[in-house]
């Protein structure tokens, strides 16, 4: 057996060579005629293949060139008649096309724009000779409906002035009877209008009467202040006061509830609950769990459970896990 040819399938090589030759025969390009930017089929020379710029300056396929020619023919503008701000079709010269101002004194806009402007200006009563400003008669309050600017102490149109006169007639306050903190209608003098302080009174008549009624219902006043020392604020055996008094805190109900709860509690100042209390120490009952004097820990049930579990465990102090 030839080691160099071991495992080589000669039949597949033959088929591969045949397929390669078939594909290469279909390809127009080869080593002698490579496809590149200089290949004739890549250059715009009047056929449909090449589109790159040719020696004559053309760009695109035959169809591209024809389409460009058609579009260029339709366009008014070209190298000899370029469109710009100085092109006649861009200037306002009385036709529909141009709208740009040709000179400093020239018109602006198309013929339609100019006609529209003339029509609007004709409707406007204001112009260079009759400008609208703050001194224009139609801007001043002179008794007509147009002007509203101040003129001779008058402000507003005729309608504005008439409305103001009606409102001022309804108002009882004016230059001779100003409304301020000193006006009788602003002071608490027994009527319903004024509420400002006057002679120690504050509020309208209704306010004062309401205050008198509320004060009459209140048992506390300037002679019987409610504070921390008031009998109704101290725990003196009634239901009102809760502040500390003679070592008592809370209302009568609070004190009675506390007495009842304390009576139910096993622990008190003489029998404190702490780490040394018998009910906190593991001494064989169900209450204490803390380590006792004999070294036990837990309640009676805890100790029984622990003993049972240790008894079931194969490993202990004498036979530790693992024991190899």
C-alpha atoms as a PDB file:
ATOM      1  CA  UNK A   1       0.000   0.000   0.000  1.00  0.00           C
ATOM      2  CA  UNK A   2       1.279   3.449  -1.012  1.00  0.00           C
ATOM      3  CA  UNK A   3       1.303   5.562   2.185  1.00  0.00           C
ATOM      4  CA  UNK A   4       1.123   8.826   0.228  1.00  0.00           C
ATOM      5  CA  UNK A   5      -2.106   7.768  -1.553  1.00  0.00           C
ATOM      6  CA  UNK A   6      -3.743   6.081   1.447  1.00  0.00           C
ATOM      7  CA  UNK A   7      -7.290   7.407   1.970  1.00  0.00           C
ATOM      8  CA  UNK A   8      -7.345   9.474  -1.238  1.00  0.00           C
ATOM      9  CA  UNK A   9     -10.536   9.200  -3.337  1.00  0.00           C
ATOM     10  CA  UNK A  10      -9.413   9.678  -6.909  1.00  0.00           C
ATOM     11  CA  UNK A  11     -12.943   9.564  -8.254  1.00  0.00           C
ATOM     12  CA  UNK A  12     -13.995  12.619  -6.214  1.00  0.00           C
ATOM     13  CA  UNK A  13     -11.002  14.553  -7.477  1.00  0.00           C
ATOM     14  CA  UNK A  14     -12.053  13.807 -11.055  1.00  0.00           C
ATOM     15  CA  UNK A  15     -15.626  14.984 -10.417  1.00  0.00           C
ATOM     16  CA  UNK A  16     -14.360  18.167  -8.739  1.00  0.00           C
ATOM     17  CA  UNK A  17     -12.100  19.022 -11.650  1.00  0.00           C
ATOM     18  CA  UNK A  18     -14.969  18.513 -14.104  1.00  0.00           C
ATOM     19  CA  UNK A  19     -17.281  20.822 -12.093  1.00  0.00           C
ATOM     20  CA  UNK A  20     -14.606  23.529 -11.843  1.00  0.00           C
ATOM     21  CA  UNK A  21     -14.037  23.474 -15.608  1.00  0.00           C
ATOM     22  CA  UNK A  22     -17.797  23.726 -16.234  1.00  0.00           C
ATOM     23  CA  UNK A  23     -18.121  26.765 -13.942  1.00  0.00           C
ATOM     24  CA  UNK A  24     -15.079  28.502 -15.329  1.00  0.00           C
ATOM     25  CA  UNK A  25     -16.404  28.083 -18.881  1.00  0.00           C
ATOM     26  CA  UNK A  26     -19.495  30.106 -17.902  1.00  0.00           C
ATOM     27  CA  UNK A  27     -17.471  32.969 -16.423  1.00  0.00           C
ATOM     28  CA  UNK A  28     -16.636  35.733 -18.897  1.00  0.00           C
ATOM     29  CA  UNK A  29     -13.654  36.737 -16.814  1.00  0.00           C
ATOM     30  CA  UNK A  30     -10.383  34.825 -16.342  1.00  0.00           C
ATOM     31  CA  UNK A  31      -6.739  35.393 -15.593  1.00  0.00           C
ATOM     32  CA  UNK A  32      -6.217  36.870 -19.052  1.00  0.00           C
ATOM     33  CA  UNK A  33      -9.293  39.112 -18.829  1.00  0.00           C
ATOM     34  CA  UNK A  34      -9.748  39.984 -15.142  1.00  0.00           C
ATOM     35  CA  UNK A  35     -12.684  42.066 -13.954  1.00  0.00           C
ATOM     36  CA  UNK A  36     -11.525  45.401 -12.495  1.00  0.00           C
ATOM     37  CA  UNK A  37     -12.195  49.134 -12.757  1.00  0.00           C
ATOM     38  CA  UNK A  38     -10.344  49.174 -16.065  1.00  0.00           C
ATOM     39  CA  UNK A  39     -12.201  46.210 -17.614  1.00  0.00           C
ATOM     40  CA  UNK A  40     -14.315  47.273 -20.617  1.00  0.00           C
ATOM     41  CA  UNK A  41     -17.432  45.801 -18.952  1.00  0.00           C
ATOM     42  CA  UNK A  42     -16.888  48.086 -15.957  1.00  0.00           C
ATOM     43  CA  UNK A  43     -16.572  51.294 -18.000  1.00  0.00           C
ATOM     44  CA  UNK A  44     -19.392  53.448 -19.374  1.00  0.00           C
ATOM     45  CA  UNK A  45     -18.895  52.952 -23.109  1.00  0.00           C
ATOM     46  CA  UNK A  46     -22.489  52.872 -24.387  1.00  0.00           C
ATOM     47  CA  UNK A  47     -23.535  49.358 -23.408  1.00  0.00           C
ATOM     48  CA  UNK A  48     -25.616  48.171 -20.455  1.00  0.00           C
ATOM     49  CA  UNK A  49     -22.732  46.614 -18.515  1.00  0.00           C
ATOM     50  CA  UNK A  50     -20.259  49.291 -17.551  1.00  0.00           C
ATOM     51  CA  UNK A  51     -21.104  52.355 -15.437  1.00  0.00           C
ATOM     52  CA  UNK A  52     -17.702  53.710 -14.437  1.00  0.00           C
ATOM     53  CA  UNK A  53     -16.523  57.004 -15.980  1.00  0.00           C
ATOM     54  CA  UNK A  54     -15.180  56.400 -19.479  1.00  0.00           C
ATOM     55  CA  UNK A  55     -12.560  58.176 -21.564  1.00  0.00           C
ATOM     56  CA  UNK A  56     -15.227  60.515 -22.979  1.00  0.00           C
ATOM     57  CA  UNK A  57     -16.441  61.493 -19.521  1.00  0.00           C
ATOM     58  CA  UNK A  58     -19.679  59.515 -19.666  1.00  0.00           C
ATOM     59  CA  UNK A  59     -21.013  57.836 -16.525  1.00  0.00           C
ATOM     60  CA  UNK A  60     -23.602  55.066 -16.298  1.00  0.00           C
ATOM     61  CA  UNK A  61     -25.006  52.392 -18.556  1.00  0.00           C
ATOM     62  CA  UNK A  62     -26.719  53.091 -21.866  1.00  0.00           C
ATOM     63  CA  UNK A  63     -30.094  53.341 -20.090  1.00  0.00           C
ATOM     64  CA  UNK A  64     -28.651  55.656 -17.406  1.00  0.00           C
ATOM     65  CA  UNK A  65     -27.277  58.018 -20.049  1.00  0.00           C
ATOM     66  CA  UNK A  66     -30.546  58.144 -22.016  1.00  0.00           C
ATOM     67  CA  UNK A  67     -32.590  58.797 -18.848  1.00  0.00           C
ATOM     68  CA  UNK A  68     -30.228  61.585 -17.843  1.00  0.00           C
ATOM     69  CA  UNK A  69     -30.490  63.188 -21.270  1.00  0.00           C
ATOM     70  CA  UNK A  70     -34.303  63.098 -21.100  1.00  0.00           C
ATOM     71  CA  UNK A  71     -34.330  64.709 -17.644  1.00  0.00           C
ATOM     72  CA  UNK A  72     -31.783  67.337 -18.606  1.00  0.00           C
ATOM     73  CA  UNK A  73     -33.831  68.332 -21.661  1.00  0.00           C
ATOM     74  CA  UNK A  74     -36.854  68.986 -19.414  1.00  0.00           C
ATOM     75  CA  UNK A  75     -34.821  71.219 -17.050  1.00  0.00           C
ATOM     76  CA  UNK A  76     -34.716  74.897 -17.997  1.00  0.00           C
ATOM     77  CA  UNK A  77     -31.536  75.391 -16.093  1.00  0.00           C
ATOM     78  CA  UNK A  78     -28.096  74.194 -17.138  1.00  0.00           C
ATOM     79  CA  UNK A  79     -24.435  75.226 -17.355  1.00  0.00           C
ATOM     80  CA  UNK A  80     -25.280  78.232 -19.557  1.00  0.00           C
ATOM     81  CA  UNK A  81     -28.428  79.208 -17.623  1.00  0.00           C
ATOM     82  CA  UNK A  82     -27.772  78.381 -13.979  1.00  0.00           C
ATOM     83  CA  UNK A  83     -30.402  78.910 -11.297  1.00  0.00           C
ATOM     84  CA  UNK A  84     -29.264  81.300  -8.569  1.00  0.00           C
ATOM     85  CA  UNK A  85     -30.257  84.489  -6.749  1.00  0.00           C
ATOM     86  CA  UNK A  86     -29.483  86.534  -9.890  1.00  0.00           C
ATOM     87  CA  UNK A  87     -31.409  84.297 -12.313  1.00  0.00           C
ATOM     88  CA  UNK A  88     -34.387  86.180 -13.832  1.00  0.00           C
ATOM     89  CA  UNK A  89     -36.706  83.406 -12.685  1.00  0.00           C
ATOM     90  CA  UNK A  90     -35.573  83.973  -9.090  1.00  0.00           C
ATOM     91  CA  UNK A  91     -36.226  87.726  -9.100  1.00  0.00           C
ATOM     92  CA  UNK A  92     -39.456  89.636  -8.554  1.00  0.00           C
ATOM     93  CA  UNK A  93     -39.943  91.138 -12.016  1.00  0.00           C
ATOM     94  CA  UNK A  94     -43.700  90.909 -12.410  1.00  0.00           C
ATOM     95  CA  UNK A  95     -44.091  87.255 -13.339  1.00  0.00           C
ATOM     96  CA  UNK A  96     -45.208  84.259 -11.276  1.00  0.00           C
ATOM     97  CA  UNK A  97     -41.761  82.673 -10.951  1.00  0.00           C
ATOM     98  CA  UNK A  98     -39.401  85.016  -9.181  1.00  0.00           C
ATOM     99  CA  UNK A  99     -39.902  86.405  -5.663  1.00  0.00           C
ATOM    100  CA  UNK A 100     -36.457  87.735  -4.702  1.00  0.00           C
ATOM    101  CA  UNK A 101     -35.782  91.493  -4.470  1.00  0.00           C
ATOM    102  CA  UNK A 102     -33.736  92.630  -7.466  1.00  0.00           C
ATOM    103  CA  UNK A 103     -32.641  96.006  -6.063  1.00  0.00           C
ATOM    104  CA  UNK A 104     -32.898  97.911  -2.772  1.00  0.00           C
ATOM    105  CA  UNK A 105     -35.972  99.700  -4.107  1.00  0.00           C
ATOM    106  CA  UNK A 106     -37.293  96.730  -6.059  1.00  0.00           C
ATOM    107  CA  UNK A 107     -40.458  94.734  -5.472  1.00  0.00           C
ATOM    108  CA  UNK A 108     -40.655  91.473  -3.525  1.00  0.00           C
ATOM    109  CA  UNK A 109     -42.770  88.442  -4.408  1.00  0.00           C
ATOM    110  CA  UNK A 110     -44.482  87.080  -7.479  1.00  0.00           C
ATOM    111  CA  UNK A 111     -47.115  89.033  -9.404  1.00  0.00           C
ATOM    112  CA  UNK A 112     -49.822  87.377  -7.271  1.00  0.00           C
ATOM    113  CA  UNK A 113     -47.984  88.286  -4.044  1.00  0.00           C
ATOM    114  CA  UNK A 114     -47.698  91.901  -5.165  1.00  0.00           C
ATOM    115  CA  UNK A 115     -51.394  92.146  -6.057  1.00  0.00           C
ATOM    116  CA  UNK A 116     -52.421  90.607  -2.714  1.00  0.00           C
ATOM    117  CA  UNK A 117     -50.184  93.079  -0.860  1.00  0.00           C
ATOM    118  CA  UNK A 118     -51.657  96.037  -2.729  1.00  0.00           C
ATOM    119  CA  UNK A 119     -55.186  94.876  -1.885  1.00  0.00           C
ATOM    120  CA  UNK A 120     -54.389  94.450   1.836  1.00  0.00           C
ATOM    121  CA  UNK A 121     -52.611  97.794   2.090  1.00  0.00           C
ATOM    122  CA  UNK A 122     -55.619  99.475   0.472  1.00  0.00           C
ATOM    123  CA  UNK A 123     -57.824  98.083   3.272  1.00  0.00           C
ATOM    124  CA  UNK A 124     -55.471  99.337   6.016  1.00  0.00           C
ATOM    125  CA  UNK A 125     -56.163 102.873   7.178  1.00  0.00           C
ATOM    126  CA  UNK A 126     -52.680 103.120   8.652  1.00  0.00           C
ATOM    127  CA  UNK A 127     -49.675 103.941   6.462  1.00  0.00           C
ATOM    128  CA  UNK A 128     -46.454 105.944   6.346  1.00  0.00           C
ATOM    129  CA  UNK A 129     -48.434 109.181   6.671  1.00  0.00           C
ATOM    130  CA  UNK A 130     -50.852 107.937   9.333  1.00  0.00           C
ATOM    131  CA  UNK A 131     -48.854 105.509  11.483  1.00  0.00           C
ATOM    132  CA  UNK A 132     -50.402 103.638  14.348  1.00  0.00           C
ATOM    133  CA  UNK A 133     -48.673 104.412  17.644  1.00  0.00           C
ATOM    134  CA  UNK A 134     -49.399 105.500  21.222  1.00  0.00           C
ATOM    135  CA  UNK A 135     -50.146 109.029  20.019  1.00  0.00           C
ATOM    136  CA  UNK A 136     -52.463 108.021  17.167  1.00  0.00           C
ATOM    137  CA  UNK A 137     -56.040 109.279  17.787  1.00  0.00           C
ATOM    138  CA  UNK A 138     -57.333 105.739  17.360  1.00  0.00           C
ATOM    139  CA  UNK A 139     -55.061 104.578  20.188  1.00  0.00           C
ATOM    140  CA  UNK A 140     -56.244 107.193  22.708  1.00  0.00           C
ATOM    141  CA  UNK A 141     -59.285 107.190  24.963  1.00  0.00           C
ATOM    142  CA  UNK A 142     -61.203 110.066  23.411  1.00  0.00           C
ATOM    143  CA  UNK A 143     -64.779 108.815  23.710  1.00  0.00           C
ATOM    144  CA  UNK A 144     -64.946 106.396  20.779  1.00  0.00           C
ATOM    145  CA  UNK A 145     -64.657 102.605  20.705  1.00  0.00           C
ATOM    146  CA  UNK A 146     -61.173 102.469  19.141  1.00  0.00           C
ATOM    147  CA  UNK A 147     -58.696 104.044  21.495  1.00  0.00           C
ATOM    148  CA  UNK A 148     -58.068 102.899  25.079  1.00  0.00           C
ATOM    149  CA  UNK A 149     -54.843 104.692  25.976  1.00  0.00           C
ATOM    150  CA  UNK A 150     -54.945 107.345  28.707  1.00  0.00           C
ATOM    151  CA  UNK A 151     -56.014 110.743  27.454  1.00  0.00           C
ATOM    152  CA  UNK A 152     -56.989 113.558  29.838  1.00  0.00           C
ATOM    153  CA  UNK A 153     -57.400 111.155  32.809  1.00  0.00           C
ATOM    154  CA  UNK A 154     -59.691 108.992  30.672  1.00  0.00           C
ATOM    155  CA  UNK A 155     -58.757 105.328  30.060  1.00  0.00           C
ATOM    156  CA  UNK A 156     -60.544 102.766  27.876  1.00  0.00           C
ATOM    157  CA  UNK A 157     -63.056 102.828  25.069  1.00  0.00           C
ATOM    158  CA  UNK A 158     -66.469 104.406  25.383  1.00  0.00           C
ATOM    159  CA  UNK A 159     -67.946 101.067  26.507  1.00  0.00           C
ATOM    160  CA  UNK A 160     -65.160 100.619  29.062  1.00  0.00           C
ATOM    161  CA  UNK A 161     -65.822 104.055  30.531  1.00  0.00           C
ATOM    162  CA  UNK A 162     -69.594 103.468  30.771  1.00  0.00           C
ATOM    163  CA  UNK A 163     -69.080 100.110  32.493  1.00  0.00           C
ATOM    164  CA  UNK A 164     -66.647 101.661  34.944  1.00  0.00           C
ATOM    165  CA  UNK A 165     -69.110 104.425  35.812  1.00  0.00           C
ATOM    166  CA  UNK A 166     -71.827 101.812  36.547  1.00  0.00           C
ATOM    167  CA  UNK A 167     -69.509  99.771  38.768  1.00  0.00           C
ATOM    168  CA  UNK A 168     -68.258 102.809  40.675  1.00  0.00           C
ATOM    169  CA  UNK A 169     -71.871 103.841  41.307  1.00  0.00           C
ATOM    170  CA  UNK A 170     -72.506 100.466  42.971  1.00  0.00           C
ATOM    171  CA  UNK A 171     -69.379 100.722  45.154  1.00  0.00           C
ATOM    172  CA  UNK A 172     -69.904 102.515  48.481  1.00  0.00           C
ATOM    173  CA  UNK A 173     -66.167 103.105  48.762  1.00  0.00           C
ATOM    174  CA  UNK A 174     -64.507 105.936  46.875  1.00  0.00           C
ATOM    175  CA  UNK A 175     -61.879 108.672  47.157  1.00  0.00           C
ATOM    176  CA  UNK A 176     -63.814 110.289  49.978  1.00  0.00           C
ATOM    177  CA  UNK A 177     -64.591 107.025  51.796  1.00  0.00           C
ATOM    178  CA  UNK A 178     -61.589 104.744  51.461  1.00  0.00           C
ATOM    179  CA  UNK A 179     -61.735 101.137  52.577  1.00  0.00           C
ATOM    180  CA  UNK A 180     -58.804 100.397  54.877  1.00  0.00           C
ATOM    181  CA  UNK A 181     -58.026  99.112  58.374  1.00  0.00           C
ATOM    182  CA  UNK A 182     -59.514 102.273  59.905  1.00  0.00           C
ATOM    183  CA  UNK A 183     -62.771 102.237  57.922  1.00  0.00           C
ATOM    184  CA  UNK A 184     -65.817 101.668  60.204  1.00  0.00           C
ATOM    185  CA  UNK A 185     -66.875  98.745  57.997  1.00  0.00           C
ATOM    186  CA  UNK A 186     -63.537  97.067  58.634  1.00  0.00           C
ATOM    187  CA  UNK A 187     -63.724  97.308  62.447  1.00  0.00           C
ATOM    188  CA  UNK A 188     -65.464  95.045  64.933  1.00  0.00           C
ATOM    189  CA  UNK A 189     -68.075  97.513  66.182  1.00  0.00           C
ATOM    190  CA  UNK A 190     -71.061  95.210  66.630  1.00  0.00           C
ATOM    191  CA  UNK A 191     -72.279  94.906  63.037  1.00  0.00           C
ATOM    192  CA  UNK A 192     -71.767  92.107  60.497  1.00  0.00           C
ATOM    193  CA  UNK A 193     -69.282  93.972  58.287  1.00  0.00           C
ATOM    194  CA  UNK A 194     -66.172  94.742  60.274  1.00  0.00           C
ATOM    195  CA  UNK A 195     -63.966  92.129  61.962  1.00  0.00           C
ATOM    196  CA  UNK A 196     -60.836  94.120  62.828  1.00  0.00           C
ATOM    197  CA  UNK A 197     -60.007  94.573  66.526  1.00  0.00           C
ATOM    198  CA  UNK A 198     -61.753  97.507  68.194  1.00  0.00           C
ATOM    199  CA  UNK A 199     -62.027  98.035  71.955  1.00  0.00           C
ATOM    200  CA  UNK A 200     -60.841  94.440  72.591  1.00  0.00           C
ATOM    201  CA  UNK A 201     -63.527  93.061  70.242  1.00  0.00           C
ATOM    202  CA  UNK A 202     -62.615  90.943  67.206  1.00  0.00           C
ATOM    203  CA  UNK A 203     -64.975  89.629  64.545  1.00  0.00           C
ATOM    204  CA  UNK A 204     -68.450  90.414  63.296  1.00  0.00           C
ATOM    205  CA  UNK A 205     -71.517  90.355  65.539  1.00  0.00           C
ATOM    206  CA  UNK A 206     -72.128  86.709  64.652  1.00  0.00           C
ATOM    207  CA  UNK A 207     -68.481  85.837  65.397  1.00  0.00           C
ATOM    208  CA  UNK A 208     -68.706  87.485  68.816  1.00  0.00           C
ATOM    209  CA  UNK A 209     -71.976  85.740  69.732  1.00  0.00           C
ATOM    210  CA  UNK A 210     -70.570  82.343  68.646  1.00  0.00           C
ATOM    211  CA  UNK A 211     -67.456  82.928  70.738  1.00  0.00           C
ATOM    212  CA  UNK A 212     -69.525  83.883  73.830  1.00  0.00           C
ATOM    213  CA  UNK A 213     -71.598  80.694  73.420  1.00  0.00           C
ATOM    214  CA  UNK A 214     -68.500  78.492  73.091  1.00  0.00           C
ATOM    215  CA  UNK A 215     -66.763  80.139  76.071  1.00  0.00           C
ATOM    216  CA  UNK A 216     -69.872  79.569  78.200  1.00  0.00           C
ATOM    217  CA  UNK A 217     -69.629  75.819  77.472  1.00  0.00           C
ATOM    218  CA  UNK A 218     -65.930  75.669  78.379  1.00  0.00           C
ATOM    219  CA  UNK A 219     -65.228  75.103  82.096  1.00  0.00           C
ATOM    220  CA  UNK A 220     -61.711  76.411  81.653  1.00  0.00           C
ATOM    221  CA  UNK A 221     -61.040  80.142  81.557  1.00  0.00           C
ATOM    222  CA  UNK A 222     -58.556  82.761  82.680  1.00  0.00           C
ATOM    223  CA  UNK A 223     -59.461  82.018  86.329  1.00  0.00           C
ATOM    224  CA  UNK A 224     -59.351  78.248  85.930  1.00  0.00           C
ATOM    225  CA  UNK A 225     -56.540  77.451  83.472  1.00  0.00           C
ATOM    226  CA  UNK A 226     -56.055  73.964  82.125  1.00  0.00           C
ATOM    227  CA  UNK A 227     -52.429  72.942  82.632  1.00  0.00           C
ATOM    228  CA  UNK A 228     -50.326  70.185  84.232  1.00  0.00           C
ATOM    229  CA  UNK A 229     -51.354  71.385  87.716  1.00  0.00           C
ATOM    230  CA  UNK A 230     -55.084  71.571  87.045  1.00  0.00           C
ATOM    231  CA  UNK A 231     -57.015  69.015  89.205  1.00  0.00           C
ATOM    232  CA  UNK A 232     -58.645  67.666  86.038  1.00  0.00           C
ATOM    233  CA  UNK A 233     -55.210  66.896  84.624  1.00  0.00           C
ATOM    234  CA  UNK A 234     -53.956  64.892  87.635  1.00  0.00           C
ATOM    235  CA  UNK A 235     -54.508  61.234  88.542  1.00  0.00           C
ATOM    236  CA  UNK A 236     -56.510  61.888  91.699  1.00  0.00           C
ATOM    237  CA  UNK A 237     -58.978  59.048  91.461  1.00  0.00           C
ATOM    238  CA  UNK A 238     -61.465  60.425  88.916  1.00  0.00           C
ATOM    239  CA  UNK A 239     -61.810  59.729  85.189  1.00  0.00           C
ATOM    240  CA  UNK A 240     -60.496  63.103  83.990  1.00  0.00           C
ATOM    241  CA  UNK A 241     -56.912  63.458  85.080  1.00  0.00           C
ATOM    242  CA  UNK A 242     -54.085  61.061  84.115  1.00  0.00           C
ATOM    243  CA  UNK A 243     -50.982  63.009  85.125  1.00  0.00           C
ATOM    244  CA  UNK A 244     -48.837  61.580  87.961  1.00  0.00           C
ATOM    245  CA  UNK A 245     -50.107  62.509  91.399  1.00  0.00           C
ATOM    246  CA  UNK A 246     -49.064  60.875  94.691  1.00  0.00           C
ATOM    247  CA  UNK A 247     -47.396  58.014  92.717  1.00  0.00           C
ATOM    248  CA  UNK A 248     -50.609  57.384  90.757  1.00  0.00           C
ATOM    249  CA  UNK A 249     -50.734  57.606  86.958  1.00  0.00           C
ATOM    250  CA  UNK A 250     -53.883  57.382  84.819  1.00  0.00           C
ATOM    251  CA  UNK A 251     -57.606  57.746  85.339  1.00  0.00           C
ATOM    252  CA  UNK A 252     -59.599  55.701  87.840  1.00  0.00           C
ATOM    253  CA  UNK A 253     -60.266  53.066  85.143  1.00  0.00           C
ATOM    254  CA  UNK A 254     -56.567  52.943  84.229  1.00  0.00           C
ATOM    255  CA  UNK A 255     -55.559  52.398  87.858  1.00  0.00           C
ATOM    256  CA  UNK A 256     -58.154  49.658  88.380  1.00  0.00           C
ATOM    257  CA  UNK A 257     -57.069  47.849  85.186  1.00  0.00           C
ATOM    258  CA  UNK A 258     -53.444  48.038  86.253  1.00  0.00           C
ATOM    259  CA  UNK A 259     -54.251  46.677  89.731  1.00  0.00           C
ATOM    260  CA  UNK A 260     -56.140  43.739  88.163  1.00  0.00           C
ATOM    261  CA  UNK A 261     -53.271  42.915  85.782  1.00  0.00           C
ATOM    262  CA  UNK A 262     -50.621  43.143  88.511  1.00  0.00           C
ATOM    263  CA  UNK A 263     -52.666  40.755  90.683  1.00  0.00           C
ATOM    264  CA  UNK A 264     -52.583  38.182  87.837  1.00  0.00           C
ATOM    265  CA  UNK A 265     -48.801  38.492  87.416  1.00  0.00           C
ATOM    266  CA  UNK A 266     -46.664  36.006  89.363  1.00  0.00           C
ATOM    267  CA  UNK A 267     -43.751  38.376  89.342  1.00  0.00           C
ATOM    268  CA  UNK A 268     -43.527  41.563  91.367  1.00  0.00           C
ATOM    269  CA  UNK A 269     -40.985  43.731  93.196  1.00  0.00           C
ATOM    270  CA  UNK A 270     -40.516  40.968  95.806  1.00  0.00           C
ATOM    271  CA  UNK A 271     -40.271  38.171  93.217  1.00  0.00           C
ATOM    272  CA  UNK A 272     -38.389  39.575  90.205  1.00  0.00           C
ATOM    273  CA  UNK A 273     -38.106  37.592  87.001  1.00  0.00           C
ATOM    274  CA  UNK A 274     -34.453  37.342  85.999  1.00  0.00           C
ATOM    275  CA  UNK A 275     -31.749  34.779  85.179  1.00  0.00           C
ATOM    276  CA  UNK A 276     -31.659  33.673  88.834  1.00  0.00           C
ATOM    277  CA  UNK A 277     -35.418  33.263  89.266  1.00  0.00           C
ATOM    278  CA  UNK A 278     -36.372  29.591  89.929  1.00  0.00           C
ATOM    279  CA  UNK A 279     -38.823  29.773  87.025  1.00  0.00           C
ATOM    280  CA  UNK A 280     -35.974  30.752  84.688  1.00  0.00           C
ATOM    281  CA  UNK A 281     -33.572  27.975  85.772  1.00  0.00           C
ATOM    282  CA  UNK A 282     -33.573  24.368  84.549  1.00  0.00           C
ATOM    283  CA  UNK A 283     -34.505  22.533  87.759  1.00  0.00           C
ATOM    284  CA  UNK A 284     -36.693  19.695  86.476  1.00  0.00           C
ATOM    285  CA  UNK A 285     -39.975  21.573  85.887  1.00  0.00           C
ATOM    286  CA  UNK A 286     -41.518  22.890  82.676  1.00  0.00           C
ATOM    287  CA  UNK A 287     -40.813  26.594  83.311  1.00  0.00           C
ATOM    288  CA  UNK A 288     -37.091  27.204  83.499  1.00  0.00           C
ATOM    289  CA  UNK A 289     -34.597  26.489  80.731  1.00  0.00           C
ATOM    290  CA  UNK A 290     -31.473  28.308  81.898  1.00  0.00           C
ATOM    291  CA  UNK A 291     -28.490  26.197  83.037  1.00  0.00           C
ATOM    292  CA  UNK A 292     -29.037  25.005  86.600  1.00  0.00           C
ATOM    293  CA  UNK A 293     -26.567  24.357  89.394  1.00  0.00           C
ATOM    294  CA  UNK A 294     -26.316  20.690  88.374  1.00  0.00           C
ATOM    295  CA  UNK A 295     -25.459  21.592  84.760  1.00  0.00           C
ATOM    296  CA  UNK A 296     -28.880  20.768  83.272  1.00  0.00           C
ATOM    297  CA  UNK A 297     -30.350  22.898  80.493  1.00  0.00           C
ATOM    298  CA  UNK A 298     -33.964  23.049  79.308  1.00  0.00           C
ATOM    299  CA  UNK A 299     -37.329  22.056  80.739  1.00  0.00           C
ATOM    300  CA  UNK A 300     -38.165  18.559  81.957  1.00  0.00           C
ATOM    301  CA  UNK A 301     -39.453  17.617  78.470  1.00  0.00           C
ATOM    302  CA  UNK A 302     -36.328  19.093  76.826  1.00  0.00           C
ATOM    303  CA  UNK A 303     -34.094  16.971  79.062  1.00  0.00           C
ATOM    304  CA  UNK A 304     -36.120  13.771  78.429  1.00  0.00           C
ATOM    305  CA  UNK A 305     -36.038  14.359  74.639  1.00  0.00           C
ATOM    306  CA  UNK A 306     -32.285  15.000  74.707  1.00  0.00           C
ATOM    307  CA  UNK A 307     -31.633  11.863  76.774  1.00  0.00           C
ATOM    308  CA  UNK A 308     -33.731   9.788  74.357  1.00  0.00           C
ATOM    309  CA  UNK A 309     -31.918  11.142  71.299  1.00  0.00           C
ATOM    310  CA  UNK A 310     -28.474  10.580  72.841  1.00  0.00           C
ATOM    311  CA  UNK A 311     -29.515   7.017  73.680  1.00  0.00           C
ATOM    312  CA  UNK A 312     -30.349   6.325  70.035  1.00  0.00           C
ATOM    313  CA  UNK A 313     -27.112   7.808  68.725  1.00  0.00           C
ATOM    314  CA  UNK A 314     -24.396   5.236  67.965  1.00  0.00           C
ATOM    315  CA  UNK A 315     -21.754   7.849  68.580  1.00  0.00           C
ATOM    316  CA  UNK A 316     -20.973   9.444  71.952  1.00  0.00           C
ATOM    317  CA  UNK A 317     -18.110  10.714  74.076  1.00  0.00           C
ATOM    318  CA  UNK A 318     -16.559   7.243  74.161  1.00  0.00           C
ATOM    319  CA  UNK A 319     -17.122   6.519  70.455  1.00  0.00           C
ATOM    320  CA  UNK A 320     -16.770   9.718  68.415  1.00  0.00           C
ATOM    321  CA  UNK A 321     -17.694  10.073  64.750  1.00  0.00           C
ATOM    322  CA  UNK A 322     -15.836   9.082  62.587  1.00  0.00           C
ATOM    323  CA  UNK A 323     -14.217   6.130  64.313  1.00  0.00           C
ATOM    324  CA  UNK A 324     -11.913   4.306  61.858  1.00  0.00           C
END
